[in-house]
Amino acid sequence: MHAVTVTEYGATPAVAEVLTPQPESGQVLIKLRAAGMNPNSLIDPKGGRMGLLDRAKTVAEQATIKAKEGLDEVQTRRELGQAYDDLGKTTYELALAGEITHPRLAAGVERITTLTAQLEDKPN
């Protein structure tokens, strides 16, 4: 992959070919199609100029925090989906066994039973 690299503090940034990082557990790899940097971004809020590495570090830390927040939300949504799935399976099993009844369950139970039978009838 291409990356803008700075080999030492104060050096001029240069585009270089580097190995694509492999995300570890709990990390994500984000594919960028384009990136840019505003020279004004190198000015810190106190009015002084930030070094490129300092600014890059700050931006990377902010991106990491946002990615982790996004990852937490994805994990929560996945767990919520699994909880709904578990509840649905339990409800289906109880309705099929006649332990619970409700008019809104009848169509769903019939549909799941029909689809399950279709899958069992198909040769592997």
PDB file of N, CA and C in Angstrom:
ATOM      1  N   MET A   1       0.841  -1.166   0.000  1.00  0.00           N
ATOM      2  CA  MET A   1       0.000   0.000   0.000  1.00  0.00           C
ATOM      3  C   MET A   1       0.888   1.231   0.000  1.00  0.00           C
ATOM      4  N   HIS A   2       0.334   2.336  -0.420  1.00  0.00           N
ATOM      5  CA  HIS A   2       1.070   3.593  -0.399  1.00  0.00           C
ATOM      6  C   HIS A   2       0.795   4.317   0.904  1.00  0.00           C
ATOM      7  N   ALA A   3       1.805   4.976   1.425  1.00  0.00           N
ATOM      8  CA  ALA A   3       1.645   5.742   2.660  1.00  0.00           C
ATOM      9  C   ALA A   3       2.566   6.947   2.617  1.00  0.00           C
ATOM     10  N   VAL A   4       2.127   8.002   3.254  1.00  0.00           N
ATOM     11  CA  VAL A   4       3.012   9.153   3.431  1.00  0.00           C
ATOM     12  C   VAL A   4       3.844   8.849   4.659  1.00  0.00           C
ATOM     13  N   THR A   5       5.140   8.861   4.508  1.00  0.00           N
ATOM     14  CA  THR A   5       6.034   8.509   5.603  1.00  0.00           C
ATOM     15  C   THR A   5       6.945   9.676   5.942  1.00  0.00           C
ATOM     16  N   VAL A   6       7.321   9.718   7.186  1.00  0.00           N
ATOM     17  CA  VAL A   6       8.316  10.681   7.663  1.00  0.00           C
ATOM     18  C   VAL A   6       9.366   9.841   8.385  1.00  0.00           C
ATOM     19  N   THR A   7      10.574   9.813   7.860  1.00  0.00           N
ATOM     20  CA  THR A   7      11.602   8.917   8.390  1.00  0.00           C
ATOM     21  C   THR A   7      12.262   9.418   9.661  1.00  0.00           C
ATOM     22  N   GLU A   8      12.238  10.723   9.883  1.00  0.00           N
ATOM     23  CA  GLU A   8      12.792  11.277  11.116  1.00  0.00           C
ATOM     24  C   GLU A   8      12.114  12.599  11.415  1.00  0.00           C
ATOM     25  N   TYR A   9      12.193  13.017  12.655  1.00  0.00           N
ATOM     26  CA  TYR A   9      11.522  14.239  13.079  1.00  0.00           C
ATOM     27  C   TYR A   9      12.024  15.426  12.254  1.00  0.00           C
ATOM     28  N   GLY A  10      11.080  16.177  11.694  1.00  0.00           N
ATOM     29  CA  GLY A  10      11.418  17.346  10.902  1.00  0.00           C
ATOM     30  C   GLY A  10      11.680  17.058   9.440  1.00  0.00           C
ATOM     31  N   ALA A  11      11.710  15.778   9.047  1.00  0.00           N
ATOM     32  CA  ALA A  11      11.971  15.421   7.656  1.00  0.00           C
ATOM     33  C   ALA A  11      10.749  15.729   6.798  1.00  0.00           C
ATOM     34  N   THR A  12      10.972  15.878   5.502  1.00  0.00           N
ATOM     35  CA  THR A  12       9.891  16.133   4.564  1.00  0.00           C
ATOM     36  C   THR A  12       9.096  14.853   4.334  1.00  0.00           C
ATOM     37  N   PRO A  13       7.770  14.917   4.424  1.00  0.00           N
ATOM     38  CA  PRO A  13       6.950  13.727   4.145  1.00  0.00           C
ATOM     39  C   PRO A  13       7.163  13.251   2.711  1.00  0.00           C
ATOM     40  N   ALA A  14       7.134  11.926   2.536  1.00  0.00           N
ATOM     41  CA  ALA A  14       7.313  11.340   1.210  1.00  0.00           C
ATOM     42  C   ALA A  14       6.381  10.139   1.065  1.00  0.00           C
ATOM     43  N   VAL A  15       5.919   9.891  -0.159  1.00  0.00           N
ATOM     44  CA  VAL A  15       5.084   8.726  -0.425  1.00  0.00           C
ATOM     45  C   VAL A  15       5.990   7.512  -0.578  1.00  0.00           C
ATOM     46  N   ALA A  16       5.624   6.423   0.096  1.00  0.00           N
ATOM     47  CA  ALA A  16       6.422   5.201   0.036  1.00  0.00           C
ATOM     48  C   ALA A  16       5.485   3.998  -0.028  1.00  0.00           C
ATOM     49  N   GLU A  17       5.986   2.907  -0.543  1.00  0.00           N
ATOM     50  CA  GLU A  17       5.250   1.641  -0.571  1.00  0.00           C
ATOM     51  C   GLU A  17       5.576   0.893   0.721  1.00  0.00           C
ATOM     52  N   VAL A  18       4.542   0.563   1.502  1.00  0.00           N
ATOM     53  CA  VAL A  18       4.734  -0.141   2.767  1.00  0.00           C
ATOM     54  C   VAL A  18       3.819  -1.357   2.811  1.00  0.00           C
ATOM     55  N   LEU A  19       4.114  -2.289   3.713  1.00  0.00           N
ATOM     56  CA  LEU A  19       3.279  -3.477   3.861  1.00  0.00           C
ATOM     57  C   LEU A  19       1.920  -3.080   4.432  1.00  0.00           C
ATOM     58  N   THR A  20       0.865  -3.725   3.979  1.00  0.00           N
ATOM     59  CA  THR A  20      -0.472  -3.480   4.506  1.00  0.00           C
ATOM     60  C   THR A  20      -0.550  -4.101   5.901  1.00  0.00           C
ATOM     61  N   PRO A  21      -0.931  -3.312   6.902  1.00  0.00           N
ATOM     62  CA  PRO A  21      -1.016  -3.865   8.257  1.00  0.00           C
ATOM     63  C   PRO A  21      -2.147  -4.892   8.353  1.00  0.00           C
ATOM     64  N   GLN A  22      -1.976  -5.869   9.211  1.00  0.00           N
ATOM     65  CA  GLN A  22      -2.991  -6.887   9.449  1.00  0.00           C
ATOM     66  C   GLN A  22      -3.641  -6.597  10.801  1.00  0.00           C
ATOM     67  N   PRO A  23      -4.955  -6.341  10.836  1.00  0.00           N
ATOM     68  CA  PRO A  23      -5.603  -6.014  12.109  1.00  0.00           C
ATOM     69  C   PRO A  23      -5.587  -7.206  13.060  1.00  0.00           C
ATOM     70  N   GLU A  24      -5.420  -6.895  14.331  1.00  0.00           N
ATOM     71  CA  GLU A  24      -5.481  -7.912  15.369  1.00  0.00           C
ATOM     72  C   GLU A  24      -6.891  -7.963  15.927  1.00  0.00           C
ATOM     73  N   SER A  25      -7.131  -8.853  16.843  1.00  0.00           N
ATOM     74  CA  SER A  25      -8.440  -8.992  17.456  1.00  0.00           C
ATOM     75  C   SER A  25      -8.875  -7.662  18.064  1.00  0.00           C
ATOM     76  N   GLY A  26     -10.104  -7.234  17.757  1.00  0.00           N
ATOM     77  CA  GLY A  26     -10.633  -5.989  18.276  1.00  0.00           C
ATOM     78  C   GLY A  26     -10.220  -4.766  17.489  1.00  0.00           C
ATOM     79  N   GLN A  27      -9.516  -4.965  16.362  1.00  0.00           N
ATOM     80  CA  GLN A  27      -9.082  -3.859  15.521  1.00  0.00           C
ATOM     81  C   GLN A  27      -9.749  -3.971  14.164  1.00  0.00           C
ATOM     82  N   VAL A  28      -9.782  -2.873  13.437  1.00  0.00           N
ATOM     83  CA  VAL A  28     -10.318  -2.869  12.083  1.00  0.00           C
ATOM     84  C   VAL A  28      -9.301  -2.231  11.149  1.00  0.00           C
ATOM     85  N   LEU A  29      -9.320  -2.609   9.898  1.00  0.00           N
ATOM     86  CA  LEU A  29      -8.484  -2.010   8.865  1.00  0.00           C
ATOM     87  C   LEU A  29      -9.424  -1.266   7.925  1.00  0.00           C
ATOM     88  N   ILE A  30      -9.186   0.013   7.759  1.00  0.00           N
ATOM     89  CA  ILE A  30     -10.058   0.846   6.950  1.00  0.00           C
ATOM     90  C   ILE A  30      -9.359   1.167   5.637  1.00  0.00           C
ATOM     91  N   LYS A  31     -10.029   0.879   4.505  1.00  0.00           N
ATOM     92  CA  LYS A  31      -9.468   1.158   3.191  1.00  0.00           C
ATOM     93  C   LYS A  31      -9.811   2.590   2.795  1.00  0.00           C
ATOM     94  N   LEU A  32      -8.782   3.358   2.484  1.00  0.00           N
ATOM     95  CA  LEU A  32      -8.983   4.727   2.025  1.00  0.00           C
ATOM     96  C   LEU A  32      -8.768   4.783   0.528  1.00  0.00           C
ATOM     97  N   ARG A  33      -9.607   5.527  -0.144  1.00  0.00           N
ATOM     98  CA  ARG A  33      -9.405   5.742  -1.580  1.00  0.00           C
ATOM     99  C   ARG A  33      -8.609   7.018  -1.822  1.00  0.00           C
ATOM    100  N   ALA A  34      -8.721   7.955  -0.908  1.00  0.00           N
ATOM    101  CA  ALA A  34      -7.991   9.209  -1.044  1.00  0.00           C
ATOM    102  C   ALA A  34      -7.859   9.843   0.334  1.00  0.00           C
ATOM    103  N   ALA A  35      -6.843  10.629   0.498  1.00  0.00           N
ATOM    104  CA  ALA A  35      -6.638  11.342   1.752  1.00  0.00           C
ATOM    105  C   ALA A  35      -5.942  12.653   1.437  1.00  0.00           C
ATOM    106  N   GLY A  36      -6.118  13.589   2.285  1.00  0.00           N
ATOM    107  CA  GLY A  36      -5.458  14.875   2.092  1.00  0.00           C
ATOM    108  C   GLY A  36      -5.212  15.521   3.433  1.00  0.00           C
ATOM    109  N   MET A  37      -4.447  16.581   3.405  1.00  0.00           N
ATOM    110  CA  MET A  37      -4.163  17.281   4.644  1.00  0.00           C
ATOM    111  C   MET A  37      -4.138  18.775   4.375  1.00  0.00           C
ATOM    112  N   ASN A  38      -4.848  19.498   5.181  1.00  0.00           N
ATOM    113  CA  ASN A  38      -4.878  20.943   5.082  1.00  0.00           C
ATOM    114  C   ASN A  38      -3.673  21.494   5.840  1.00  0.00           C
ATOM    115  N   PRO A  39      -2.848  22.338   5.221  1.00  0.00           N
ATOM    116  CA  PRO A  39      -1.694  22.890   5.928  1.00  0.00           C
ATOM    117  C   PRO A  39      -2.078  23.615   7.217  1.00  0.00           C
ATOM    118  N   ASN A  40      -3.292  24.161   7.256  1.00  0.00           N
ATOM    119  CA  ASN A  40      -3.739  24.823   8.480  1.00  0.00           C
ATOM    120  C   ASN A  40      -3.937  23.841   9.626  1.00  0.00           C
ATOM    121  N   SER A  41      -4.037  22.557   9.311  1.00  0.00           N
ATOM    122  CA  SER A  41      -4.191  21.544  10.348  1.00  0.00           C
ATOM    123  C   SER A  41      -2.926  21.422  11.192  1.00  0.00           C
ATOM    124  N   LEU A  42      -1.842  21.939  10.698  1.00  0.00           N
ATOM    125  CA  LEU A  42      -0.585  21.868  11.442  1.00  0.00           C
ATOM    126  C   LEU A  42      -0.478  22.962  12.499  1.00  0.00           C
ATOM    127  N   ILE A  43      -1.493  23.821  12.590  1.00  0.00           N
ATOM    128  CA  ILE A  43      -1.477  24.880  13.586  1.00  0.00           C
ATOM    129  C   ILE A  43      -2.270  24.395  14.792  1.00  0.00           C
ATOM    130  N   ASP A  44      -1.625  24.388  15.958  1.00  0.00           N
ATOM    131  CA  ASP A  44      -2.335  23.901  17.137  1.00  0.00           C
ATOM    132  C   ASP A  44      -3.283  24.983  17.659  1.00  0.00           C
ATOM    133  N   PRO A  45      -4.239  24.609  18.521  1.00  0.00           N
ATOM    134  CA  PRO A  45      -5.241  25.572  18.988  1.00  0.00           C
ATOM    135  C   PRO A  45      -4.642  26.764  19.725  1.00  0.00           C
ATOM    136  N   LYS A  46      -3.428  26.627  20.243  1.00  0.00           N
ATOM    137  CA  LYS A  46      -2.808  27.715  20.990  1.00  0.00           C
ATOM    138  C   LYS A  46      -2.118  28.710  20.066  1.00  0.00           C
ATOM    139  N   GLY A  47      -2.168  28.476  18.774  1.00  0.00           N
ATOM    140  CA  GLY A  47      -1.594  29.416  17.821  1.00  0.00           C
ATOM    141  C   GLY A  47      -0.231  29.034  17.284  1.00  0.00           C
ATOM    142  N   GLY A  48       0.448  28.115  17.926  1.00  0.00           N
ATOM    143  CA  GLY A  48       1.761  27.675  17.451  1.00  0.00           C
ATOM    144  C   GLY A  48       1.622  26.629  16.371  1.00  0.00           C
ATOM    145  N   ARG A  49       2.720  26.323  15.712  1.00  0.00           N
ATOM    146  CA  ARG A  49       2.678  25.281  14.685  1.00  0.00           C
ATOM    147  C   ARG A  49       3.006  23.942  15.313  1.00  0.00           C
ATOM    148  N   MET A  50       2.211  22.956  14.963  1.00  0.00           N
ATOM    149  CA  MET A  50       2.479  21.595  15.411  1.00  0.00           C
ATOM    150  C   MET A  50       3.377  20.934  14.381  1.00  0.00           C
ATOM    151  N   GLY A  51       4.236  20.063  14.824  1.00  0.00           N
ATOM    152  CA  GLY A  51       5.020  19.267  13.901  1.00  0.00           C
ATOM    153  C   GLY A  51       4.110  18.269  13.201  1.00  0.00           C
ATOM    154  N   LEU A  52       4.501  17.845  12.024  1.00  0.00           N
ATOM    155  CA  LEU A  52       3.697  16.899  11.254  1.00  0.00           C
ATOM    156  C   LEU A  52       3.456  15.622  12.049  1.00  0.00           C
ATOM    157  N   LEU A  53       4.484  15.117  12.707  1.00  0.00           N
ATOM    158  CA  LEU A  53       4.325  13.880  13.470  1.00  0.00           C
ATOM    159  C   LEU A  53       3.375  14.077  14.648  1.00  0.00           C
ATOM    160  N   ASP A  54       3.469  15.251  15.305  1.00  0.00           N
ATOM    161  CA  ASP A  54       2.560  15.522  16.419  1.00  0.00           C
ATOM    162  C   ASP A  54       1.114  15.568  15.937  1.00  0.00           C
ATOM    163  N   ARG A  55       0.881  16.233  14.819  1.00  0.00           N
ATOM    164  CA  ARG A  55      -0.467  16.339  14.269  1.00  0.00           C
ATOM    165  C   ARG A  55      -0.962  14.974  13.799  1.00  0.00           C
ATOM    166  N   ALA A  56      -0.093  14.230  13.138  1.00  0.00           N
ATOM    167  CA  ALA A  56      -0.482  12.896  12.665  1.00  0.00           C
ATOM    168  C   ALA A  56      -0.842  12.000  13.843  1.00  0.00           C
ATOM    169  N   LYS A  57      -0.076  12.101  14.919  1.00  0.00           N
ATOM    170  CA  LYS A  57      -0.355  11.293  16.112  1.00  0.00           C
ATOM    171  C   LYS A  57      -1.717  11.677  16.702  1.00  0.00           C
ATOM    172  N   THR A  58      -2.003  12.960  16.785  1.00  0.00           N
ATOM    173  CA  THR A  58      -3.277  13.432  17.315  1.00  0.00           C
ATOM    174  C   THR A  58      -4.448  12.932  16.470  1.00  0.00           C
ATOM    175  N   VAL A  59      -4.301  13.063  15.162  1.00  0.00           N
ATOM    176  CA  VAL A  59      -5.365  12.608  14.258  1.00  0.00           C
ATOM    177  C   VAL A  59      -5.541  11.092  14.360  1.00  0.00           C
ATOM    178  N   ALA A  60      -4.450  10.355  14.440  1.00  0.00           N
ATOM    179  CA  ALA A  60      -4.531   8.893  14.557  1.00  0.00           C
ATOM    180  C   ALA A  60      -5.216   8.490  15.856  1.00  0.00           C
ATOM    181  N   GLU A  61      -4.912   9.189  16.941  1.00  0.00           N
ATOM    182  CA  GLU A  61      -5.555   8.883  18.215  1.00  0.00           C
ATOM    183  C   GLU A  61      -7.057   9.148  18.147  1.00  0.00           C
ATOM    184  N   GLN A  62      -7.441  10.254  17.504  1.00  0.00           N
ATOM    185  CA  GLN A  62      -8.868  10.567  17.358  1.00  0.00           C
ATOM    186  C   GLN A  62      -9.564   9.513  16.505  1.00  0.00           C
ATOM    187  N   ALA A  63      -8.920   9.085  15.431  1.00  0.00           N
ATOM    188  CA  ALA A  63      -9.507   8.062  14.554  1.00  0.00           C
ATOM    189  C   ALA A  63      -9.645   6.738  15.292  1.00  0.00           C
ATOM    190  N   THR A  64      -8.654   6.405  16.121  1.00  0.00           N
ATOM    191  CA  THR A  64      -8.706   5.163  16.893  1.00  0.00           C
ATOM    192  C   THR A  64      -9.882   5.171  17.858  1.00  0.00           C
ATOM    193  N   ILE A  65     -10.092   6.300  18.513  1.00  0.00           N
ATOM    194  CA  ILE A  65     -11.212   6.415  19.454  1.00  0.00           C
ATOM    195  C   ILE A  65     -12.538   6.243  18.722  1.00  0.00           C
ATOM    196  N   LYS A  66     -12.693   6.898  17.562  1.00  0.00           N
ATOM    197  CA  LYS A  66     -13.933   6.776  16.785  1.00  0.00           C
ATOM    198  C   LYS A  66     -14.139   5.348  16.296  1.00  0.00           C
ATOM    199  N   ALA A  67     -13.047   4.697  15.859  1.00  0.00           N
ATOM    200  CA  ALA A  67     -13.161   3.311  15.368  1.00  0.00           C
ATOM    201  C   ALA A  67     -13.572   2.383  16.493  1.00  0.00           C
ATOM    202  N   LYS A  68     -13.018   2.579  17.690  1.00  0.00           N
ATOM    203  CA  LYS A  68     -13.383   1.732  18.822  1.00  0.00           C
ATOM    204  C   LYS A  68     -14.842   1.936  19.201  1.00  0.00           C
ATOM    205  N   GLU A  69     -15.294   3.199  19.177  1.00  0.00           N
ATOM    206  CA  GLU A  69     -16.700   3.466  19.469  1.00  0.00           C
ATOM    207  C   GLU A  69     -17.580   2.765  18.436  1.00  0.00           C
ATOM    208  N   GLY A  70     -17.195   2.843  17.175  1.00  0.00           N
ATOM    209  CA  GLY A  70     -17.956   2.177  16.122  1.00  0.00           C
ATOM    210  C   GLY A  70     -17.944   0.665  16.289  1.00  0.00           C
ATOM    211  N   LEU A  71     -16.788   0.121  16.682  1.00  0.00           N
ATOM    212  CA  LEU A  71     -16.661  -1.313  16.883  1.00  0.00           C
ATOM    213  C   LEU A  71     -17.535  -1.770  18.047  1.00  0.00           C
ATOM    214  N   ASP A  72     -17.566  -0.971  19.119  1.00  0.00           N
ATOM    215  CA  ASP A  72     -18.422  -1.302  20.261  1.00  0.00           C
ATOM    216  C   ASP A  72     -19.887  -1.332  19.846  1.00  0.00           C
ATOM    217  N   GLU A  73     -20.295  -0.360  19.009  1.00  0.00           N
ATOM    218  CA  GLU A  73     -21.688  -0.318  18.550  1.00  0.00           C
ATOM    219  C   GLU A  73     -21.997  -1.536  17.674  1.00  0.00           C
ATOM    220  N   VAL A  74     -21.078  -1.900  16.798  1.00  0.00           N
ATOM    221  CA  VAL A  74     -21.271  -3.071  15.940  1.00  0.00           C
ATOM    222  C   VAL A  74     -21.407  -4.322  16.800  1.00  0.00           C
ATOM    223  N   GLN A  75     -20.545  -4.451  17.812  1.00  0.00           N
ATOM    224  CA  GLN A  75     -20.604  -5.623  18.695  1.00  0.00           C
ATOM    225  C   GLN A  75     -21.923  -5.657  19.454  1.00  0.00           C
ATOM    226  N   THR A  76     -22.378  -4.502  19.936  1.00  0.00           N
ATOM    227  CA  THR A  76     -23.656  -4.447  20.655  1.00  0.00           C
ATOM    228  C   THR A  76     -24.804  -4.829  19.729  1.00  0.00           C
ATOM    229  N   ARG A  77     -24.783  -4.327  18.486  1.00  0.00           N
ATOM    230  CA  ARG A  77     -25.838  -4.684  17.533  1.00  0.00           C
ATOM    231  C   ARG A  77     -25.810  -6.184  17.215  1.00  0.00           C
ATOM    232  N   ARG A  78     -24.620  -6.749  17.107  1.00  0.00           N
ATOM    233  CA  ARG A  78     -24.490  -8.191  16.844  1.00  0.00           C
ATOM    234  C   ARG A  78     -25.074  -8.990  18.012  1.00  0.00           C
ATOM    235  N   GLU A  79     -24.760  -8.578  19.238  1.00  0.00           N
ATOM    236  CA  GLU A  79     -25.283  -9.263  20.417  1.00  0.00           C
ATOM    237  C   GLU A  79     -26.798  -9.117  20.506  1.00  0.00           C
ATOM    238  N   LEU A  80     -27.317  -7.932  20.161  1.00  0.00           N
ATOM    239  CA  LEU A  80     -28.757  -7.709  20.162  1.00  0.00           C
ATOM    240  C   LEU A  80     -29.438  -8.621  19.141  1.00  0.00           C
ATOM    241  N   GLY A  81     -28.846  -8.720  17.966  1.00  0.00           N
ATOM    242  CA  GLY A  81     -29.389  -9.608  16.938  1.00  0.00           C
ATOM    243  C   GLY A  81     -29.404 -11.061  17.403  1.00  0.00           C
ATOM    244  N   GLN A  82     -28.322 -11.479  18.071  1.00  0.00           N
ATOM    245  CA  GLN A  82     -28.252 -12.845  18.585  1.00  0.00           C
ATOM    246  C   GLN A  82     -29.310 -13.068  19.661  1.00  0.00           C
ATOM    247  N   ALA A  83     -29.526 -12.062  20.510  1.00  0.00           N
ATOM    248  CA  ALA A  83     -30.547 -12.182  21.556  1.00  0.00           C
ATOM    249  C   ALA A  83     -31.941 -12.321  20.945  1.00  0.00           C
ATOM    250  N   TYR A  84     -32.231 -11.532  19.901  1.00  0.00           N
ATOM    251  CA  TYR A  84     -33.511 -11.650  19.197  1.00  0.00           C
ATOM    252  C   TYR A  84     -33.642 -13.036  18.560  1.00  0.00           C
ATOM    253  N   ASP A  85     -32.563 -13.517  17.972  1.00  0.00           N
ATOM    254  CA  ASP A  85     -32.575 -14.831  17.338  1.00  0.00           C
ATOM    255  C   ASP A  85     -32.868 -15.917  18.374  1.00  0.00           C
ATOM    256  N   ASP A  86     -32.177 -15.826  19.521  1.00  0.00           N
ATOM    257  CA  ASP A  86     -32.401 -16.810  20.590  1.00  0.00           C
ATOM    258  C   ASP A  86     -33.844 -16.762  21.091  1.00  0.00           C
ATOM    259  N   LEU A  87     -34.364 -15.541  21.276  1.00  0.00           N
ATOM    260  CA  LEU A  87     -35.744 -15.387  21.730  1.00  0.00           C
ATOM    261  C   LEU A  87     -36.712 -15.968  20.701  1.00  0.00           C
ATOM    262  N   GLY A  88     -36.448 -15.703  19.426  1.00  0.00           N
ATOM    263  CA  GLY A  88     -37.306 -16.230  18.372  1.00  0.00           C
ATOM    264  C   GLY A  88     -37.312 -17.749  18.331  1.00  0.00           C
ATOM    265  N   LYS A  89     -36.139 -18.348  18.483  1.00  0.00           N
ATOM    266  CA  LYS A  89     -36.066 -19.823  18.475  1.00  0.00           C
ATOM    267  C   LYS A  89     -36.823 -20.404  19.667  1.00  0.00           C
ATOM    268  N   THR A  90     -36.625 -19.781  20.829  1.00  0.00           N
ATOM    269  CA  THR A  90     -37.324 -20.271  22.019  1.00  0.00           C
ATOM    270  C   THR A  90     -38.837 -20.117  21.857  1.00  0.00           C
ATOM    271  N   THR A  91     -39.267 -18.983  21.338  1.00  0.00           N
ATOM    272  CA  THR A  91     -40.700 -18.746  21.116  1.00  0.00           C
ATOM    273  C   THR A  91     -41.262 -19.767  20.135  1.00  0.00           C
ATOM    274  N   TYR A  92     -40.529 -20.032  19.051  1.00  0.00           N
ATOM    275  CA  TYR A  92     -40.970 -21.012  18.060  1.00  0.00           C
ATOM    276  C   TYR A  92     -41.123 -22.393  18.706  1.00  0.00           C
ATOM    277  N   GLU A  93     -40.120 -22.792  19.477  1.00  0.00           N
ATOM    278  CA  GLU A  93     -40.162 -24.109  20.109  1.00  0.00           C
ATOM    279  C   GLU A  93     -41.344 -24.218  21.084  1.00  0.00           C
ATOM    280  N   LEU A  94     -41.564 -23.159  21.869  1.00  0.00           N
ATOM    281  CA  LEU A  94     -42.686 -23.171  22.818  1.00  0.00           C
ATOM    282  C   LEU A  94     -44.032 -23.173  22.090  1.00  0.00           C
ATOM    283  N   ALA A  95     -44.148 -22.401  21.019  1.00  0.00           N
ATOM    284  CA  ALA A  95     -45.406 -22.354  20.253  1.00  0.00           C
ATOM    285  C   ALA A  95     -45.655 -23.686  19.561  1.00  0.00           C
ATOM    286  N   LEU A  96     -44.613 -24.274  19.008  1.00  0.00           N
ATOM    287  CA  LEU A  96     -44.752 -25.564  18.326  1.00  0.00           C
ATOM    288  C   LEU A  96     -45.184 -26.644  19.313  1.00  0.00           C
ATOM    289  N   ALA A  97     -44.670 -26.578  20.537  1.00  0.00           N
ATOM    290  CA  ALA A  97     -45.026 -27.565  21.569  1.00  0.00           C
ATOM    291  C   ALA A  97     -46.389 -27.271  22.195  1.00  0.00           C
ATOM    292  N   GLY A  98     -47.005 -26.130  21.836  1.00  0.00           N
ATOM    293  CA  GLY A  98     -48.314 -25.784  22.374  1.00  0.00           C
ATOM    294  C   GLY A  98     -48.254 -25.163  23.765  1.00  0.00           C
ATOM    295  N   GLU A  99     -47.040 -24.801  24.210  1.00  0.00           N
ATOM    296  CA  GLU A  99     -46.911 -24.221  25.545  1.00  0.00           C
ATOM    297  C   GLU A  99     -47.296 -22.745  25.577  1.00  0.00           C
ATOM    298  N   ILE A 100     -47.219 -22.073  24.422  1.00  0.00           N
ATOM    299  CA  ILE A 100     -47.710 -20.703  24.327  1.00  0.00           C
ATOM    300  C   ILE A 100     -48.514 -20.580  23.036  1.00  0.00           C
ATOM    301  N   THR A 101     -49.520 -19.749  23.072  1.00  0.00           N
ATOM    302  CA  THR A 101     -50.325 -19.506  21.872  1.00  0.00           C
ATOM    303  C   THR A 101     -50.675 -18.031  21.790  1.00  0.00           C
ATOM    304  N   HIS A 102     -50.720 -17.573  20.566  1.00  0.00           N
ATOM    305  CA  HIS A 102     -51.150 -16.200  20.304  1.00  0.00           C
ATOM    306  C   HIS A 102     -51.403 -16.121  18.803  1.00  0.00           C
ATOM    307  N   PRO A 103     -52.436 -15.412  18.388  1.00  0.00           N
ATOM    308  CA  PRO A 103     -52.742 -15.335  16.960  1.00  0.00           C
ATOM    309  C   PRO A 103     -51.571 -14.799  16.123  1.00  0.00           C
ATOM    310  N   ARG A 104     -50.770 -13.910  16.674  1.00  0.00           N
ATOM    311  CA  ARG A 104     -49.645 -13.352  15.912  1.00  0.00           C
ATOM    312  C   ARG A 104     -48.511 -14.356  15.724  1.00  0.00           C
ATOM    313  N   LEU A 105     -48.497 -15.428  16.522  1.00  0.00           N
ATOM    314  CA  LEU A 105     -47.431 -16.431  16.397  1.00  0.00           C
ATOM    315  C   LEU A 105     -47.745 -17.498  15.346  1.00  0.00           C
ATOM    316  N   ALA A 106     -49.014 -17.740  15.096  1.00  0.00           N
ATOM    317  CA  ALA A 106     -49.430 -18.857  14.244  1.00  0.00           C
ATOM    318  C   ALA A 106     -48.806 -18.801  12.848  1.00  0.00           C
ATOM    319  N   ALA A 107     -48.848 -17.663  12.188  1.00  0.00           N
ATOM    320  CA  ALA A 107     -48.319 -17.560  10.823  1.00  0.00           C
ATOM    321  C   ALA A 107     -46.802 -17.777  10.807  1.00  0.00           C
ATOM    322  N   GLY A 108     -46.107 -17.226  11.789  1.00  0.00           N
ATOM    323  CA  GLY A 108     -44.658 -17.394  11.848  1.00  0.00           C
ATOM    324  C   GLY A 108     -44.252 -18.839  12.096  1.00  0.00           C
ATOM    325  N   VAL A 109     -44.964 -19.500  13.001  1.00  0.00           N
ATOM    326  CA  VAL A 109     -44.684 -20.908  13.298  1.00  0.00           C
ATOM    327  C   VAL A 109     -44.919 -21.757  12.051  1.00  0.00           C
ATOM    328  N   GLU A 110     -46.012 -21.497  11.356  1.00  0.00           N
ATOM    329  CA  GLU A 110     -46.313 -22.258  10.132  1.00  0.00           C
ATOM    330  C   GLU A 110     -45.236 -22.028   9.073  1.00  0.00           C
ATOM    331  N   ARG A 111     -44.823 -20.779   8.911  1.00  0.00           N
ATOM    332  CA  ARG A 111     -43.806 -20.465   7.897  1.00  0.00           C
ATOM    333  C   ARG A 111     -42.472 -21.152   8.213  1.00  0.00           C
ATOM    334  N   ILE A 112     -42.034 -21.073   9.465  1.00  0.00           N
ATOM    335  CA  ILE A 112     -40.769 -21.707   9.856  1.00  0.00           C
ATOM    336  C   ILE A 112     -40.854 -23.220   9.689  1.00  0.00           C
ATOM    337  N   THR A 113     -41.965 -23.803  10.064  1.00  0.00           N
ATOM    338  CA  THR A 113     -42.147 -25.255   9.919  1.00  0.00           C
ATOM    339  C   THR A 113     -42.081 -25.656   8.451  1.00  0.00           C
ATOM    340  N   THR A 114     -42.728 -24.897   7.574  1.00  0.00           N
ATOM    341  CA  THR A 114     -42.728 -25.195   6.134  1.00  0.00           C
ATOM    342  C   THR A 114     -41.314 -25.068   5.553  1.00  0.00           C
ATOM    343  N   LEU A 115     -40.625 -23.983   5.886  1.00  0.00           N
ATOM    344  CA  LEU A 115     -39.262 -23.776   5.359  1.00  0.00           C
ATOM    345  C   LEU A 115     -38.293 -24.837   5.869  1.00  0.00           C
ATOM    346  N   THR A 116     -38.430 -25.203   7.128  1.00  0.00           N
ATOM    347  CA  THR A 116     -37.569 -26.247   7.694  1.00  0.00           C
ATOM    348  C   THR A 116     -37.801 -27.575   6.981  1.00  0.00           C
ATOM    349  N   ALA A 117     -39.055 -27.889   6.712  1.00  0.00           N
ATOM    350  CA  ALA A 117     -39.379 -29.124   5.989  1.00  0.00           C
ATOM    351  C   ALA A 117     -38.795 -29.106   4.583  1.00  0.00           C
ATOM    352  N   GLN A 118     -38.854 -27.951   3.914  1.00  0.00           N
ATOM    353  CA  GLN A 118     -38.274 -27.834   2.560  1.00  0.00           C
ATOM    354  C   GLN A 118     -36.770 -28.115   2.591  1.00  0.00           C
ATOM    355  N   LEU A 119     -36.098 -27.591   3.589  1.00  0.00           N
ATOM    356  CA  LEU A 119     -34.644 -27.824   3.689  1.00  0.00           C
ATOM    357  C   LEU A 119     -34.333 -29.297   3.972  1.00  0.00           C
ATOM    358  N   GLU A 120     -35.157 -29.912   4.796  1.00  0.00           N
ATOM    359  CA  GLU A 120     -34.928 -31.330   5.139  1.00  0.00           C
ATOM    360  C   GLU A 120     -35.210 -32.251   3.959  1.00  0.00           C
ATOM    361  N   ASP A 121     -36.117 -31.831   3.054  1.00  0.00           N
ATOM    362  CA  ASP A 121     -36.466 -32.628   1.883  1.00  0.00           C
ATOM    363  C   ASP A 121     -35.419 -32.562   0.784  1.00  0.00           C
ATOM    364  N   LYS A 122     -34.590 -31.508   0.788  1.00  0.00           N
ATOM    365  CA  LYS A 122     -33.588 -31.332  -0.271  1.00  0.00           C
ATOM    366  C   LYS A 122     -32.401 -32.255  -0.021  1.00  0.00           C
ATOM    367  N   PRO A 123     -31.933 -32.936  -1.086  1.00  0.00           N
ATOM    368  CA  PRO A 123     -30.738 -33.765  -0.927  1.00  0.00           C
ATOM    369  C   PRO A 123     -29.499 -32.856  -0.807  1.00  0.00           C
ATOM    370  N   ASN A 124     -28.538 -33.306  -0.017  1.00  0.00           N
ATOM    371  CA  ASN A 124     -27.311 -32.504   0.169  1.00  0.00           C
ATOM    372  C   ASN A 124     -26.452 -32.648  -1.019  1.00  0.00           C
TER     373      ASN A 124
END
